């Protein structure tokens, strides 16, 4: 469902052709802008309001804009200065608090003035820097992002300094601030979910800043050189020192090293006040009391009159060590998060102007309305509507059956838990009986809520799945009992984006469970028909779920009752419930008698009555058989046949329903080609066809020369419907729905044709591969129709109008009107070719002759989203990969070019397959690459490992867009996809010297991640073993730092310098010792490296190991003769560091080798004093025992 756009610029804004580059001048109060669109913007076009407090925050916000707009005039009372621009699909107004003025009141004034100038602002953001409050629960680091989110009794922002002093001098906070708008909280939930699937895009946005603003990059995006130091909250900074160079490192809080370059994102409470927080102990006290994650000074002034989401980049720890070193980087990470958040808020959500206060719907009501609509789907009640109404005087017996009455009897609820299961043979009339039961229940059970679902195996995917069932049941339930819609407000159940919702089975079950739990003393009655027309595993899961719902309702007076109907197979057992078989039911037999008496119009002579009796006996209780035979006998009688002839005809008609179908298909040999093609379309079409689509689908196969523009006057719908009835020999019907489709009259027809091999027996010329041959024929029908000259009737402009415009929609509707089969033929020709190839019907010639340019033009015509259209230069391999046509990919002559970047949305074909979740295509492409390698290549095993759970792989998602400014390997680097990188390395066009983050080469990255296969491939390609990153670190350094002994061994065997230092003098041995990587240290020592190389803070490898408490490495270095009295820059010996970490065994070894227990560091501390301060009693006793007497 889409909302209409109300403003002239909306459609242009919704679909940008490409991201515009910003002009690079950010200096001055009024940024220089360059007009990049002909659209003239007005105040009402700006729907996002962004407030920041500092000039550096304004710079970060401006750098995130994709396009800067000309300034607009302010309202008379507005004293703000704005930077206007575009971010994704949104127009953004950015305002900054006046320079030198901070606090909650200033922020409130800016927000008030903004609303007077930009009345259409719907999204409000407060973005900037703040002080972090790390805890055991929240591992907050400098550069991380904290986002306000309601928690407990708080709305997301707490004004911690607003309250009253109470008895005994205590302080009591008063008042509650507004929470962020529902729309933003929903967007936050969606973004959180996205980040569970794939990494945040914050690093991408920082990379773009480096590209667009080189001067800004050095100050704002270089976090690698910054030191993140968290001191003990009780350790105060020396006020005379401007930095922490001389602060005691012994008071640093130890935290494990983080992997990757993605800033952490934290959600929770933000503390706001009019004073700067610069005291560690107060920070910790408030954080523990309230669960605070961050401190800042503006948000509390905004929340009541400018309800917004607060986003803060962490630049310090709100303690006395606070400084400005991290402010720039923190500002851009916060701005980058805000930009990523806006990317999941659709423009359609913001396109309507805000309603006035007296008509403004509550956010929850708006969300409910959209979610309700997203439950609805095409053909949601088609099967129910298509089932013919029960014949007069039939089905009423059900209402008197003991099983049905017991099911309704509340006193017997504990015996059956509300379950009744009606079973019968195919065609016995179960669906007609269920439709009767539903209609009767809605009339007679006024105090109960009655809902139903009829599975339909001949329909679309949602008509034959439990996802469709739950969506239908929930929609009926919510519409009949609106009070239950409160369950839609639970964002854990539904991450709503305001446009659509991709419902999952788990979210639907959770929502249904929630709804049933809220029934109270109400009663809910469900009728679910044709369980056998849904996947058996889905049905078993559904029944288990329904049984769990039936358990609790037995104790709280709520009644959840379900009546199932299905064939006898598959057999599924329920713990408690009633069963009723149609066979042998006297009422069911009487229904057949009544139907024959009323519908068999052959008179009432003694012979006619005998025909009726014989018909009743021969039916075996199968209603569908009776309906078909009555129709046959009536036609014979109408054509003048005698009763005796009718008796003989009845004898000749097969008793079995499937044999009857065979008889109907073979009795009349006229138009057999039409019949076969009609059957093939009904069996194998990609989706159910409308009557006019099926008509042209058949015509395209039997009379392709007659294909032309559809003229409803020449070929009216009633003629098309007669054609379908005749072509199908009466075995097809047209559904009753808003968009009617054609299907078999009963699922048993399909069973006969496929499960009983009726198709192969009736048309033996198809051979054993009727599936493949059928798809081949349907493909040819599509090709025949695609040859039609659309331009002759409807000129198609080149280029086509933008997909989102009214002009494009008008063109689309015109083509659908005159060429009703063209969209299906375009969208499905490759599908049928792929299915044919999958069963061995070669499509090699088809691929060679496929008219790709014409197909692309038509496909773009039918594409409603501009971003999903293709360029005229797209390759067929890309199209096949994007659509998961893996059988065609397997035989495509250019499959080895899957890594070549194209000017398409996803870049290379391999990324198109990954982004669209085309798993089989990815595996096929990798296998083709592996098969092209020598037998000894490691790629032969790797392609099978790619989708194993433990393997890290690039996970792009459908919303991904490939940046043509980046190369393929940079994405694989970012996602740590070692296997795909290995395949890329094997590609003949791959270069090894590309550099990425921190100027590191691919070899450097590969060794960092321990990818031995990739390292071997890179070495075989001649990668530079001695390449340096921006800090002078070589590949061996990174192998040592990350403890990858296997990779380190490979490099050492290639002759790399084992003692090479980076720019600050750190060797591989020092870094390996520092991190405690014993295996790597052993390898390096075997190469004879310098034991006394000076690294961090003037430490030797032994001191580095000792200062981190790595016992095994320290022992290894001691055994090799490392200097035990060497002092680092702070005058500390290895024994001093061992004493700090409390390693009694290492301390004993050092003392045994003669280490001095009384050695003082630069501040006068000895190993004994530091061990005592840290509480290491065993080390204290050991040191005391070794002091001189």
Foldseek 3Di string as FASTA:
>chain_A
DFDDFDDDCQLCLQFPPDQAFFAQDPDDLADDFDDPDPDDDALQQAAEEEEEEDPLLVVLLVLQFSHWDDDDDFDPVAPWRWTWGHFRSHTYTYTYQPPPDFFAQSLLNNLVRSCRGRVLHDAYEYAFAFAFQDDPVHRAWAQAKEKFPDDDPAQREAAVPAADQDPPRRTDHDDHFHHAAPLLVLLVVVVVVVCVQANACLVVSLVSCCVRHVVLNVQAPPCPPDDIWDFDLVDADDPVDPACPPPDSLRTDDDDDDDADGHHYHYHHEYEYQDQQAHSVVSNVVCVVPVHTTYDGHDRSARHPNNHMYMHRHHHNSHNNDDRRRRNHSSNSRSSVVSSSVVLARVSLSSDGQDDPVPGDGSLVLLLVQALVQLDDFCLPQVLQFDDAADPPALPVLVVDPQNVLLVDLVNCVQFLQEEEEAEAFQLCQSNNLSVVQVVCVVPVVQAQEFEAEADLLADPLSAAVSSVLSRRVSSLCVVPVVLSVLSSPSVLFSDNSHHGDHDPVSSLVSVLSSLVPCQQHEYEYEYEANVSHDPVRSQVVLVSVVVSSVVCNPRNYHYHYYYYHYPPPPDDDPGRHYHYLQPDPSLLVSLLVCCVPQQPQDDDPLSVVLSVVLSVLQSSRNNVSVVLSVVLNVCVVVPDDSVVSSVVVVVQDSDPLSNLLCLLPVDPPPNLLLLLLVLCSQDQPGFAALVLSLLLSCLQPPLVPDFWDDCVVVPPVNSQVSSCVSNSNQKDWTDGPGIGIHGPGVVSVCSVPVVVSVCVSCVVCPPPVQLVSLVSSLSSLVSLLPYDPCVPPNADVVHPALQDPSLVVSLVVCCNTRVNNQSSLVCSLVSQLRNLVSPNDCLVVLVPPPVLSSLRSNQSPDNHRLPRDDSPDDPLLVCLLVLSQSVLLPDPPLQQQQQFDPHFQGGSLSSNQQNVSLSNNLSSLCVLVVVDPPPQPSNPLSVCQPDPPAQAQRAYVVHGDDPVDHPVQSCLSRVRLSVLLSLLSRPPDDFCDADPQRHTPLLSCLLSLNQSNNVSSVVVVHDQLDQGNQQDGSLLSNLLNLNLVSNVVSVVVPDDQADATNQFDGSLQNNLLNLNQSNNVVSVVVVYDQQGAHDQRHGSLLSNLLNQNQVNNVVSVVVPHDQCDAGNQQDGSLLSNLLVQDQVSNVVSVVVPHDQCRATNVGDGSLNNNVVNPNVSNNVVSVVSHDD
